[in-house]
PDB file of N, CA and C in Angstrom:
ATOM      1  N   MET A   1     138.477  -3.906 155.816  1.00  0.00           N
ATOM      2  CA  MET A   1     137.912  -4.900 156.713  1.00  0.00           C
ATOM      3  C   MET A   1     138.958  -5.925 157.111  1.00  0.00           C
ATOM      4  N   ALA A   2     139.816  -6.341 156.191  1.00  0.00           N
ATOM      5  CA  ALA A   2     140.820  -7.360 156.492  1.00  0.00           C
ATOM      6  C   ALA A   2     141.766  -6.884 157.583  1.00  0.00           C
ATOM      7  N   GLU A   3     142.086  -5.597 157.579  1.00  0.00           N
ATOM      8  CA  GLU A   3     142.983  -5.061 158.605  1.00  0.00           C
ATOM      9  C   GLU A   3     142.317  -5.123 159.980  1.00  0.00           C
ATOM     10  N   ASP A   4     141.025  -4.819 160.034  1.00  0.00           N
ATOM     11  CA  ASP A   4     140.288  -4.909 161.298  1.00  0.00           C
ATOM     12  C   ASP A   4     140.264  -6.346 161.814  1.00  0.00           C
ATOM     13  N   LEU A   5     140.060  -7.297 160.894  1.00  0.00           N
ATOM     14  CA  LEU A   5     140.036  -8.707 161.281  1.00  0.00           C
ATOM     15  C   LEU A   5     141.396  -9.149 161.794  1.00  0.00           C
ATOM     16  N   THR A   6     142.457  -8.694 161.134  1.00  0.00           N
ATOM     17  CA  THR A   6     143.808  -9.044 161.562  1.00  0.00           C
ATOM     18  C   THR A   6     144.082  -8.492 162.953  1.00  0.00           C
ATOM     19  N   LYS A   7     143.655  -7.253 163.201  1.00  0.00           N
ATOM     20  CA  LYS A   7     143.850  -6.657 164.520  1.00  0.00           C
ATOM     21  C   LYS A   7     143.066  -7.428 165.581  1.00  0.00           C
ATOM     22  N   LYS A   8     141.829  -7.780 165.252  1.00  0.00           N
ATOM     23  CA  LYS A   8     141.003  -8.522 166.199  1.00  0.00           C
ATOM     24  C   LYS A   8     141.614  -9.894 166.492  1.00  0.00           C
ATOM     25  N   ALA A   9     142.104 -10.563 165.454  1.00  0.00           N
ATOM     26  CA  ALA A   9     142.728 -11.876 165.632  1.00  0.00           C
ATOM     27  C   ALA A   9     143.990 -11.766 166.479  1.00  0.00           C
ATOM     28  N   ALA A  10     144.792 -10.726 166.227  1.00  0.00           N
ATOM     29  CA  ALA A  10     146.015 -10.528 167.014  1.00  0.00           C
ATOM     30  C   ALA A  10     145.666 -10.270 168.474  1.00  0.00           C
ATOM     31  N   GLU A  11     144.612  -9.489 168.695  1.00  0.00           N
ATOM     32  CA  GLU A  11     144.150  -9.220 170.052  1.00  0.00           C
ATOM     33  C   GLU A  11     143.713 -10.510 170.741  1.00  0.00           C
ATOM     34  N   MET A  12     142.975 -11.336 169.994  1.00  0.00           N
ATOM     35  CA  MET A  12     142.519 -12.614 170.548  1.00  0.00           C
ATOM     36  C   MET A  12     143.708 -13.487 170.920  1.00  0.00           C
ATOM     37  N   LEU A  13     144.718 -13.546 170.042  1.00  0.00           N
ATOM     38  CA  LEU A  13     145.900 -14.367 170.314  1.00  0.00           C
ATOM     39  C   LEU A  13     146.647 -13.871 171.550  1.00  0.00           C
ATOM     40  N   LEU A  14     146.742 -12.570 171.691  1.00  0.00           N
ATOM     41  CA  LEU A  14     147.412 -11.999 172.862  1.00  0.00           C
ATOM     42  C   LEU A  14     146.645 -12.295 174.148  1.00  0.00           C
ATOM     43  N   ASN A  15     145.354 -12.508 174.023  1.00  0.00           N
ATOM     44  CA  ASN A  15     144.523 -12.804 175.188  1.00  0.00           C
ATOM     45  C   ASN A  15     144.261 -14.295 175.374  1.00  0.00           C
ATOM     46  N   GLY A  16     145.088 -15.134 174.739  1.00  0.00           N
ATOM     47  CA  GLY A  16     145.004 -16.570 174.994  1.00  0.00           C
ATOM     48  C   GLY A  16     144.330 -17.407 173.933  1.00  0.00           C
ATOM     49  N   ALA A  17     143.945 -16.828 172.809  1.00  0.00           N
ATOM     50  CA  ALA A  17     143.335 -17.618 171.735  1.00  0.00           C
ATOM     51  C   ALA A  17     144.397 -18.505 171.084  1.00  0.00           C
ATOM     52  N   THR A  18     143.932 -19.484 170.334  1.00  0.00           N
ATOM     53  CA  THR A  18     144.851 -20.388 169.640  1.00  0.00           C
ATOM     54  C   THR A  18     144.528 -20.398 168.149  1.00  0.00           C
ATOM     55  N   LEU A  19     145.544 -20.688 167.352  1.00  0.00           N
ATOM     56  CA  LEU A  19     145.334 -20.858 165.914  1.00  0.00           C
ATOM     57  C   LEU A  19     144.747 -22.244 165.681  1.00  0.00           C
ATOM     58  N   LEU A  20     143.777 -22.328 164.802  1.00  0.00           N
ATOM     59  CA  LEU A  20     143.180 -23.619 164.473  1.00  0.00           C
ATOM     60  C   LEU A  20     143.939 -24.272 163.330  1.00  0.00           C
ATOM     61  N   GLY A  21     144.061 -25.576 163.401  1.00  0.00           N
ATOM     62  CA  GLY A  21     144.744 -26.327 162.355  1.00  0.00           C
ATOM     63  C   GLY A  21     143.889 -26.488 161.116  1.00  0.00           C
ATOM     64  N   GLU A  22     142.566 -26.432 161.288  1.00  0.00           N
ATOM     65  CA  GLU A  22     141.662 -26.589 160.155  1.00  0.00           C
ATOM     66  C   GLU A  22     141.333 -25.230 159.568  1.00  0.00           C
ATOM     67  N   PRO A  23     141.347 -25.115 158.244  1.00  0.00           N
ATOM     68  CA  PRO A  23     141.055 -23.823 157.617  1.00  0.00           C
ATOM     69  C   PRO A  23     139.574 -23.471 157.708  1.00  0.00           C
ATOM     70  N   CYS A  24     139.263 -22.233 157.406  1.00  0.00           N
ATOM     71  CA  CYS A  24     137.887 -21.751 157.359  1.00  0.00           C
ATOM     72  C   CYS A  24     137.096 -22.576 156.337  1.00  0.00           C
ATOM     73  N   PRO A  25     135.903 -23.052 156.694  1.00  0.00           N
ATOM     74  CA  PRO A  25     135.115 -23.846 155.746  1.00  0.00           C
ATOM     75  C   PRO A  25     134.572 -23.022 154.583  1.00  0.00           C
ATOM     76  N   TYR A  26     134.620 -21.692 154.688  1.00  0.00           N
ATOM     77  CA  TYR A  26     134.075 -20.829 153.645  1.00  0.00           C
ATOM     78  C   TYR A  26     135.129 -20.363 152.649  1.00  0.00           C
ATOM     79  N   CYS A  27     136.325 -19.964 153.170  1.00  0.00           N
ATOM     80  CA  CYS A  27     137.323 -19.385 152.271  1.00  0.00           C
ATOM     81  C   CYS A  27     138.698 -20.041 152.395  1.00  0.00           C
ATOM     82  N   SER A  28     138.828 -21.035 153.275  1.00  0.00           N
ATOM     83  CA  SER A  28     140.086 -21.746 153.540  1.00  0.00           C
ATOM     84  C   SER A  28     141.135 -20.858 154.201  1.00  0.00           C
ATOM     85  N   GLY A  29     140.701 -19.771 154.822  1.00  0.00           N
ATOM     86  CA  GLY A  29     141.615 -18.872 155.524  1.00  0.00           C
ATOM     87  C   GLY A  29     142.004 -19.412 156.895  1.00  0.00           C
ATOM     88  N   VAL A  30     142.937 -18.725 157.530  1.00  0.00           N
ATOM     89  CA  VAL A  30     143.413 -19.084 158.867  1.00  0.00           C
ATOM     90  C   VAL A  30     142.382 -18.630 159.895  1.00  0.00           C
ATOM     91  N   ARG A  31     142.152 -19.486 160.907  1.00  0.00           N
ATOM     92  CA  ARG A  31     141.192 -19.142 161.950  1.00  0.00           C
ATOM     93  C   ARG A  31     141.857 -19.163 163.323  1.00  0.00           C
ATOM     94  N   VAL A  32     141.333 -18.330 164.224  1.00  0.00           N
ATOM     95  CA  VAL A  32     141.754 -18.338 165.618  1.00  0.00           C
ATOM     96  C   VAL A  32     140.523 -18.670 166.456  1.00  0.00           C
ATOM     97  N   MET A  33     140.771 -19.287 167.632  1.00  0.00           N
ATOM     98  CA  MET A  33     139.661 -19.713 168.475  1.00  0.00           C
ATOM     99  C   MET A  33     139.918 -19.336 169.918  1.00  0.00           C
ATOM    100  N   LYS A  34     138.887 -18.778 170.544  1.00  0.00           N
ATOM    101  CA  LYS A  34     138.945 -18.477 171.965  1.00  0.00           C
ATOM    102  C   LYS A  34     137.563 -18.694 172.548  1.00  0.00           C
ATOM    103  N   GLU A  35     137.530 -19.452 173.641  1.00  0.00           N
ATOM    104  CA  GLU A  35     136.285 -19.736 174.353  1.00  0.00           C
ATOM    105  C   GLU A  35     135.197 -20.267 173.420  1.00  0.00           C
ATOM    106  N   GLY A  36     135.586 -21.150 172.510  1.00  0.00           N
ATOM    107  CA  GLY A  36     134.630 -21.786 171.611  1.00  0.00           C
ATOM    108  C   GLY A  36     134.215 -20.950 170.420  1.00  0.00           C
ATOM    109  N   GLN A  37     134.732 -19.749 170.293  1.00  0.00           N
ATOM    110  CA  GLN A  37     134.390 -18.883 169.173  1.00  0.00           C
ATOM    111  C   GLN A  37     135.545 -18.841 168.179  1.00  0.00           C
ATOM    112  N   ALA A  38     135.303 -19.308 166.969  1.00  0.00           N
ATOM    113  CA  ALA A  38     136.330 -19.305 165.931  1.00  0.00           C
ATOM    114  C   ALA A  38     136.108 -18.097 165.025  1.00  0.00           C
ATOM    115  N   LEU A  39     137.189 -17.447 164.633  1.00  0.00           N
ATOM    116  CA  LEU A  39     137.126 -16.283 163.755  1.00  0.00           C
ATOM    117  C   LEU A  39     138.098 -16.492 162.607  1.00  0.00           C
ATOM    118  N   CYS A  40     137.610 -16.339 161.378  1.00  0.00           N
ATOM    119  CA  CYS A  40     138.474 -16.422 160.203  1.00  0.00           C
ATOM    120  C   CYS A  40     139.125 -15.066 159.987  1.00  0.00           C
ATOM    121  N   ILE A  41     140.443 -15.058 159.862  1.00  0.00           N
ATOM    122  CA  ILE A  41     141.182 -13.814 159.660  1.00  0.00           C
ATOM    123  C   ILE A  41     140.916 -13.249 158.263  1.00  0.00           C
ATOM    124  N   SER A  42     140.616 -14.113 157.295  1.00  0.00           N
ATOM    125  CA  SER A  42     140.415 -13.663 155.918  1.00  0.00           C
ATOM    126  C   SER A  42     139.025 -13.099 155.656  1.00  0.00           C
ATOM    127  N   CYS A  43     137.975 -13.880 155.999  1.00  0.00           N
ATOM    128  CA  CYS A  43     136.617 -13.450 155.642  1.00  0.00           C
ATOM    129  C   CYS A  43     135.783 -12.999 156.839  1.00  0.00           C
ATOM    130  N   GLY A  44     136.223 -13.317 158.054  1.00  0.00           N
ATOM    131  CA  GLY A  44     135.499 -12.888 159.242  1.00  0.00           C
ATOM    132  C   GLY A  44     134.284 -13.722 159.584  1.00  0.00           C
ATOM    133  N   ARG A  45     134.040 -14.764 158.812  1.00  0.00           N
ATOM    134  CA  ARG A  45     132.863 -15.600 159.065  1.00  0.00           C
ATOM    135  C   ARG A  45     133.132 -16.635 160.140  1.00  0.00           C
ATOM    136  N   GLN A  46     132.048 -17.070 160.767  1.00  0.00           N
ATOM    137  CA  GLN A  46     132.099 -18.147 161.748  1.00  0.00           C
ATOM    138  C   GLN A  46     131.197 -19.262 161.249  1.00  0.00           C
ATOM    139  N   PRO A  47     131.567 -20.514 161.545  1.00  0.00           N
ATOM    140  CA  PRO A  47     130.698 -21.617 161.121  1.00  0.00           C
ATOM    141  C   PRO A  47     129.310 -21.470 161.729  1.00  0.00           C
ATOM    142  N   GLU A  48     128.323 -22.022 161.039  1.00  0.00           N
ATOM    143  CA  GLU A  48     126.955 -21.982 161.549  1.00  0.00           C
ATOM    144  C   GLU A  48     126.904 -22.614 162.921  1.00  0.00           C
ATOM    145  N   LYS A  49     126.090 -22.022 163.780  1.00  0.00           N
ATOM    146  CA  LYS A  49     125.906 -22.589 165.110  1.00  0.00           C
ATOM    147  C   LYS A  49     124.716 -23.518 165.051  1.00  0.00           C
ATOM    148  N   LYS A  50     124.878 -24.691 165.640  1.00  0.00           N
ATOM    149  CA  LYS A  50     123.778 -25.640 165.719  1.00  0.00           C
ATOM    150  C   LYS A  50     123.418 -25.800 167.182  1.00  0.00           C
ATOM    151  N   ASP A  51     122.118 -25.808 167.453  1.00  0.00           N
ATOM    152  CA  ASP A  51     121.692 -26.027 168.823  1.00  0.00           C
ATOM    153  C   ASP A  51     121.915 -27.486 169.182  1.00  0.00           C
ATOM    154  N   ILE A  52     122.541 -27.682 170.324  1.00  0.00           N
ATOM    155  CA  ILE A  52     122.780 -29.035 170.816  1.00  0.00           C
ATOM    156  C   ILE A  52     121.939 -29.215 172.053  1.00  0.00           C
ATOM    157  N   SER A  53     121.003 -30.116 171.965  1.00  0.00           N
ATOM    158  CA  SER A  53     120.152 -30.382 173.109  1.00  0.00           C
ATOM    159  C   SER A  53     120.929 -31.208 174.117  1.00  0.00           C
ATOM    160  N   THR A  54     121.049 -30.664 175.328  1.00  0.00           N
ATOM    161  CA  THR A  54     121.780 -31.405 176.354  1.00  0.00           C
ATOM    162  C   THR A  54     120.828 -32.143 177.274  1.00  0.00           C
ATOM    163  N   SER A  55     119.529 -31.980 177.061  1.00  0.00           N
ATOM    164  CA  SER A  55     118.573 -32.731 177.863  1.00  0.00           C
ATOM    165  C   SER A  55     118.090 -33.919 177.047  1.00  0.00           C
ATOM    166  N   GLU A  56     117.694 -34.938 177.750  1.00  0.00           N
ATOM    167  CA  GLU A  56     117.235 -36.128 177.052  1.00  0.00           C
ATOM    168  C   GLU A  56     115.959 -35.822 176.288  1.00  0.00           C
ATOM    169  N   SER A  57     115.800 -36.484 175.180  1.00  0.00           N
ATOM    170  CA  SER A  57     114.635 -36.265 174.337  1.00  0.00           C
ATOM    171  C   SER A  57     113.363 -36.634 175.091  1.00  0.00           C
ATOM    172  N   THR A  58     112.390 -35.740 175.033  1.00  0.00           N
ATOM    173  CA  THR A  58     111.106 -36.025 175.675  1.00  0.00           C
ATOM    174  C   THR A  58     110.132 -36.597 174.660  1.00  0.00           C
ATOM    175  N   ASP A  59     110.566 -36.724 173.421  1.00  0.00           N
ATOM    176  CA  ASP A  59     109.724 -37.254 172.362  1.00  0.00           C
ATOM    177  C   ASP A  59     109.569 -38.762 172.547  1.00  0.00           C
ATOM    178  N   GLU A  60     108.355 -39.172 172.836  1.00  0.00           N
ATOM    179  CA  GLU A  60     108.083 -40.593 173.066  1.00  0.00           C
ATOM    180  C   GLU A  60     108.268 -41.413 171.791  1.00  0.00           C
ATOM    181  N   SER A  61     108.187 -40.767 170.627  1.00  0.00           N
ATOM    182  CA  SER A  61     108.303 -41.501 169.376  1.00  0.00           C
ATOM    183  C   SER A  61     109.755 -41.692 168.936  1.00  0.00           C
ATOM    184  N   ALA A  62     110.707 -41.183 169.714  1.00  0.00           N
ATOM    185  CA  ALA A  62     112.124 -41.317 169.360  1.00  0.00           C
ATOM    186  C   ALA A  62     112.521 -42.790 169.393  1.00  0.00           C
ATOM    187  N   SER A  63     113.288 -43.184 168.396  1.00  0.00           N
ATOM    188  CA  SER A  63     113.737 -44.565 168.314  1.00  0.00           C
ATOM    189  C   SER A  63     114.798 -44.831 169.374  1.00  0.00           C
ATOM    190  N   PRO A  64     115.037 -46.094 169.703  1.00  0.00           N
ATOM    191  CA  PRO A  64     116.082 -46.413 170.683  1.00  0.00           C
ATOM    192  C   PRO A  64     117.460 -45.890 170.266  1.00  0.00           C
ATOM    193  N   ILE A  65     117.758 -45.953 168.975  1.00  0.00           N
ATOM    194  CA  ILE A  65     119.061 -45.464 168.516  1.00  0.00           C
ATOM    195  C   ILE A  65     119.143 -43.954 168.703  1.00  0.00           C
ATOM    196  N   GLU A  66     118.048 -43.246 168.454  1.00  0.00           N
ATOM    197  CA  GLU A  66     118.036 -41.795 168.631  1.00  0.00           C
ATOM    198  C   GLU A  66     118.215 -41.426 170.105  1.00  0.00           C
ATOM    199  N   LYS A  67     117.585 -42.174 170.982  1.00  0.00           N
ATOM    200  CA  LYS A  67     117.743 -41.929 172.424  1.00  0.00           C
ATOM    201  C   LYS A  67     119.191 -42.160 172.851  1.00  0.00           C
ATOM    202  N   THR A  68     119.808 -43.198 172.312  1.00  0.00           N
ATOM    203  CA  THR A  68     121.212 -43.495 172.624  1.00  0.00           C
ATOM    204  C   THR A  68     122.117 -42.376 172.132  1.00  0.00           C
ATOM    205  N   LEU A  69     121.869 -41.910 170.916  1.00  0.00           N
ATOM    206  CA  LEU A  69     122.676 -40.822 170.359  1.00  0.00           C
ATOM    207  C   LEU A  69     122.513 -39.538 171.172  1.00  0.00           C
ATOM    208  N   GLN A  70     121.300 -39.268 171.650  1.00  0.00           N
ATOM    209  CA  GLN A  70     121.068 -38.086 172.485  1.00  0.00           C
ATOM    210  C   GLN A  70     121.840 -38.191 173.801  1.00  0.00           C
ATOM    211  N   LYS A  71     121.880 -39.390 174.376  1.00  0.00           N
ATOM    212  CA  LYS A  71     122.647 -39.592 175.614  1.00  0.00           C
ATOM    213  C   LYS A  71     124.130 -39.345 175.364  1.00  0.00           C
ATOM    214  N   LYS A  72     124.630 -39.834 174.232  1.00  0.00           N
ATOM    215  CA  LYS A  72     126.037 -39.619 173.877  1.00  0.00           C
ATOM    216  C   LYS A  72     126.324 -38.123 173.711  1.00  0.00           C
ATOM    217  N   LEU A  73     125.389 -37.389 173.100  1.00  0.00           N
ATOM    218  CA  LEU A  73     125.553 -35.948 172.941  1.00  0.00           C
ATOM    219  C   LEU A  73     125.665 -35.253 174.292  1.00  0.00           C
ATOM    220  N   THR A  74     124.849 -35.681 175.233  1.00  0.00           N
ATOM    221  CA  THR A  74     124.884 -35.098 176.573  1.00  0.00           C
ATOM    222  C   THR A  74     126.240 -35.340 177.225  1.00  0.00           C
ATOM    223  N   ILE A  75     126.742 -36.550 177.109  1.00  0.00           N
ATOM    224  CA  ILE A  75     128.038 -36.900 177.700  1.00  0.00           C
ATOM    225  C   ILE A  75     129.158 -36.093 177.045  1.00  0.00           C
ATOM    226  N   LEU A  76     129.145 -36.033 175.702  1.00  0.00           N
ATOM    227  CA  LEU A  76     130.190 -35.292 174.988  1.00  0.00           C
ATOM    228  C   LEU A  76     130.140 -33.792 175.279  1.00  0.00           C
ATOM    229  N   SER A  77     128.943 -33.254 175.434  1.00  0.00           N
ATOM    230  CA  SER A  77     128.814 -31.830 175.760  1.00  0.00           C
ATOM    231  C   SER A  77     129.467 -31.529 177.102  1.00  0.00           C
ATOM    232  N   ALA A  78     129.261 -32.414 178.072  1.00  0.00           N
ATOM    233  CA  ALA A  78     129.878 -32.234 179.387  1.00  0.00           C
ATOM    234  C   ALA A  78     131.398 -32.357 179.293  1.00  0.00           C
ATOM    235  N   GLU A  79     131.872 -33.320 178.497  1.00  0.00           N
ATOM    236  CA  GLU A  79     133.318 -33.491 178.310  1.00  0.00           C
ATOM    237  C   GLU A  79     133.930 -32.250 177.659  1.00  0.00           C
ATOM    238  N   LEU A  80     133.259 -31.718 176.645  1.00  0.00           N
ATOM    239  CA  LEU A  80     133.757 -30.540 175.940  1.00  0.00           C
ATOM    240  C   LEU A  80     133.870 -29.350 176.878  1.00  0.00           C
ATOM    241  N   GLU A  81     132.893 -29.205 177.744  1.00  0.00           N
ATOM    242  CA  GLU A  81     132.901 -28.095 178.693  1.00  0.00           C
ATOM    243  C   GLU A  81     134.100 -28.168 179.637  1.00  0.00           C
ATOM    244  N   GLN A  82     134.516 -29.372 180.000  1.00  0.00           N
ATOM    245  CA  GLN A  82     135.602 -29.548 180.952  1.00  0.00           C
ATOM    246  C   GLN A  82     136.983 -29.591 180.305  1.00  0.00           C
ATOM    247  N   GLU A  83     137.039 -29.884 179.005  1.00  0.00           N
ATOM    248  CA  GLU A  83     138.319 -30.089 178.311  1.00  0.00           C
ATOM    249  C   GLU A  83     139.020 -28.767 178.025  1.00  0.00           C
ATOM    250  N   SER A  84     140.327 -28.705 178.333  1.00  0.00           N
ATOM    251  CA  SER A  84     141.097 -27.493 178.051  1.00  0.00           C
ATOM    252  C   SER A  84     142.093 -27.705 176.910  1.00  0.00           C
ATOM    253  N   ASP A  85     142.377 -28.950 176.557  1.00  0.00           N
ATOM    254  CA  ASP A  85     143.305 -29.239 175.470  1.00  0.00           C
ATOM    255  C   ASP A  85     142.607 -29.015 174.126  1.00  0.00           C
ATOM    256  N   HIS A  86     143.172 -28.111 173.335  1.00  0.00           N
ATOM    257  CA  HIS A  86     142.552 -27.716 172.067  1.00  0.00           C
ATOM    258  C   HIS A  86     142.350 -28.895 171.116  1.00  0.00           C
ATOM    259  N   GLU A  87     143.331 -29.743 170.985  1.00  0.00           N
ATOM    260  CA  GLU A  87     143.209 -30.878 170.061  1.00  0.00           C
ATOM    261  C   GLU A  87     142.102 -31.828 170.498  1.00  0.00           C
ATOM    262  N   LYS A  88     141.991 -32.056 171.800  1.00  0.00           N
ATOM    263  CA  LYS A  88     140.919 -32.919 172.296  1.00  0.00           C
ATOM    264  C   LYS A  88     139.558 -32.263 172.083  1.00  0.00           C
ATOM    265  N   GLN A  89     139.495 -30.935 172.237  1.00  0.00           N
ATOM    266  CA  GLN A  89     138.252 -30.209 171.975  1.00  0.00           C
ATOM    267  C   GLN A  89     137.821 -30.408 170.527  1.00  0.00           C
ATOM    268  N   GLN A  90     138.778 -30.305 169.609  1.00  0.00           N
ATOM    269  CA  GLN A  90     138.470 -30.485 168.187  1.00  0.00           C
ATOM    270  C   GLN A  90     137.920 -31.883 167.925  1.00  0.00           C
ATOM    271  N   GLY A  91     138.521 -32.893 168.558  1.00  0.00           N
ATOM    272  CA  GLY A  91     138.042 -34.264 168.390  1.00  0.00           C
ATOM    273  C   GLY A  91     136.622 -34.438 168.907  1.00  0.00           C
ATOM    274  N   ILE A  92     136.354 -33.850 170.066  1.00  0.00           N
ATOM    275  CA  ILE A  92     135.009 -33.929 170.641  1.00  0.00           C
ATOM    276  C   ILE A  92     134.008 -33.223 169.732  1.00  0.00           C
ATOM    277  N   LEU A  93     134.381 -32.054 169.218  1.00  0.00           N
ATOM    278  CA  LEU A  93     133.482 -31.314 168.329  1.00  0.00           C
ATOM    279  C   LEU A  93     133.179 -32.089 167.051  1.00  0.00           C
ATOM    280  N   LYS A  94     134.189 -32.768 166.506  1.00  0.00           N
ATOM    281  CA  LYS A  94     133.963 -33.579 165.304  1.00  0.00           C
ATOM    282  C   LYS A  94     132.986 -34.715 165.601  1.00  0.00           C
ATOM    283  N   THR A  95     133.143 -35.338 166.773  1.00  0.00           N
ATOM    284  CA  THR A  95     132.246 -36.428 167.152  1.00  0.00           C
ATOM    285  C   THR A  95     130.828 -35.909 167.354  1.00  0.00           C
ATOM    286  N   ILE A  96     130.693 -34.752 168.010  1.00  0.00           N
ATOM    287  CA  ILE A  96     129.372 -34.150 168.205  1.00  0.00           C
ATOM    288  C   ILE A  96     128.722 -33.865 166.851  1.00  0.00           C
ATOM    289  N   ASN A  97     129.491 -33.312 165.925  1.00  0.00           N
ATOM    290  CA  ASN A  97     128.963 -33.024 164.597  1.00  0.00           C
ATOM    291  C   ASN A  97     128.482 -34.294 163.909  1.00  0.00           C
ATOM    292  N   SER A  98     129.249 -35.364 164.022  1.00  0.00           N
ATOM    293  CA  SER A  98     128.855 -36.641 163.417  1.00  0.00           C
ATOM    294  C   SER A  98     127.567 -37.169 164.044  1.00  0.00           C
ATOM    295  N   LEU A  99     127.463 -37.045 165.368  1.00  0.00           N
ATOM    296  CA  LEU A  99     126.245 -37.489 166.048  1.00  0.00           C
ATOM    297  C   LEU A  99     125.033 -36.682 165.580  1.00  0.00           C
ATOM    298  N   LEU A 100     125.205 -35.355 165.459  1.00  0.00           N
ATOM    299  CA  LEU A 100     124.101 -34.511 165.004  1.00  0.00           C
ATOM    300  C   LEU A 100     123.655 -34.893 163.590  1.00  0.00           C
ATOM    301  N   GLU A 101     124.623 -35.161 162.724  1.00  0.00           N
ATOM    302  CA  GLU A 101     124.284 -35.573 161.359  1.00  0.00           C
ATOM    303  C   GLU A 101     123.552 -36.912 161.367  1.00  0.00           C
ATOM    304  N   THR A 102     123.988 -37.826 162.200  1.00  0.00           N
ATOM    305  CA  THR A 102     123.352 -39.140 162.287  1.00  0.00           C
ATOM    306  C   THR A 102     121.931 -39.023 162.822  1.00  0.00           C
ATOM    307  N   ILE A 103     121.729 -38.182 163.828  1.00  0.00           N
ATOM    308  CA  ILE A 103     120.388 -37.970 164.373  1.00  0.00           C
ATOM    309  C   ILE A 103     119.464 -37.413 163.293  1.00  0.00           C
ATOM    310  N   GLU A 104     119.953 -36.446 162.522  1.00  0.00           N
ATOM    311  CA  GLU A 104     119.146 -35.876 161.444  1.00  0.00           C
ATOM    312  C   GLU A 104     118.776 -36.945 160.413  1.00  0.00           C
ATOM    313  N   LYS A 105     119.716 -37.815 160.101  1.00  0.00           N
ATOM    314  CA  LYS A 105     119.449 -38.882 159.130  1.00  0.00           C
ATOM    315  C   LYS A 105     118.396 -39.854 159.668  1.00  0.00           C
ATOM    316  N   THR A 106     118.495 -40.187 160.955  1.00  0.00           N
ATOM    317  CA  THR A 106     117.512 -41.125 161.523  1.00  0.00           C
ATOM    318  C   THR A 106     116.115 -40.497 161.584  1.00  0.00           C
ATOM    319  N   LYS A 107     116.054 -39.194 161.816  1.00  0.00           N
ATOM    320  CA  LYS A 107     114.748 -38.515 161.834  1.00  0.00           C
ATOM    321  C   LYS A 107     114.139 -38.521 160.439  1.00  0.00           C
ATOM    322  N   GLY A 108     114.957 -38.377 159.433  1.00  0.00           N
ATOM    323  CA  GLY A 108     114.476 -38.364 158.052  1.00  0.00           C
ATOM    324  C   GLY A 108     113.913 -39.691 157.597  1.00  0.00           C
ATOM    325  N   LYS A 109     114.325 -40.763 158.254  1.00  0.00           N
ATOM    326  CA  LYS A 109     113.880 -42.101 157.840  1.00  0.00           C
ATOM    327  C   LYS A 109     112.652 -42.564 158.602  1.00  0.00           C
ATOM    328  N   GLN A 110     112.191 -41.764 159.576  1.00  0.00           N
ATOM    329  CA  GLN A 110     111.019 -42.168 160.351  1.00  0.00           C
ATOM    330  C   GLN A 110     109.748 -41.793 159.651  1.00  0.00           C
TER     331      GLN A 110
END
């Protein structure tokens, strides 16, 4: 299996993928990324996908802070779609992840 993953990663790199600076969250292996899809060369796993709502919350019971965070998510999603610089993409993704975690925490306290 590792040989197949190495071949797939090499193919991805030849077709414009980039090596990620951050290791695989599962095995700390090297990862390559193309078109938003990261592949670990060691274990073949991809991070869990989380649904990101790009539409404003229709929940009337949402707190003002939650509505603000949802608006920020929408803006960041649009920025991520337009960004071609890998390092900037990583920064945007980290911010999106932080926003998602914060939204989950605020929902838990309601």
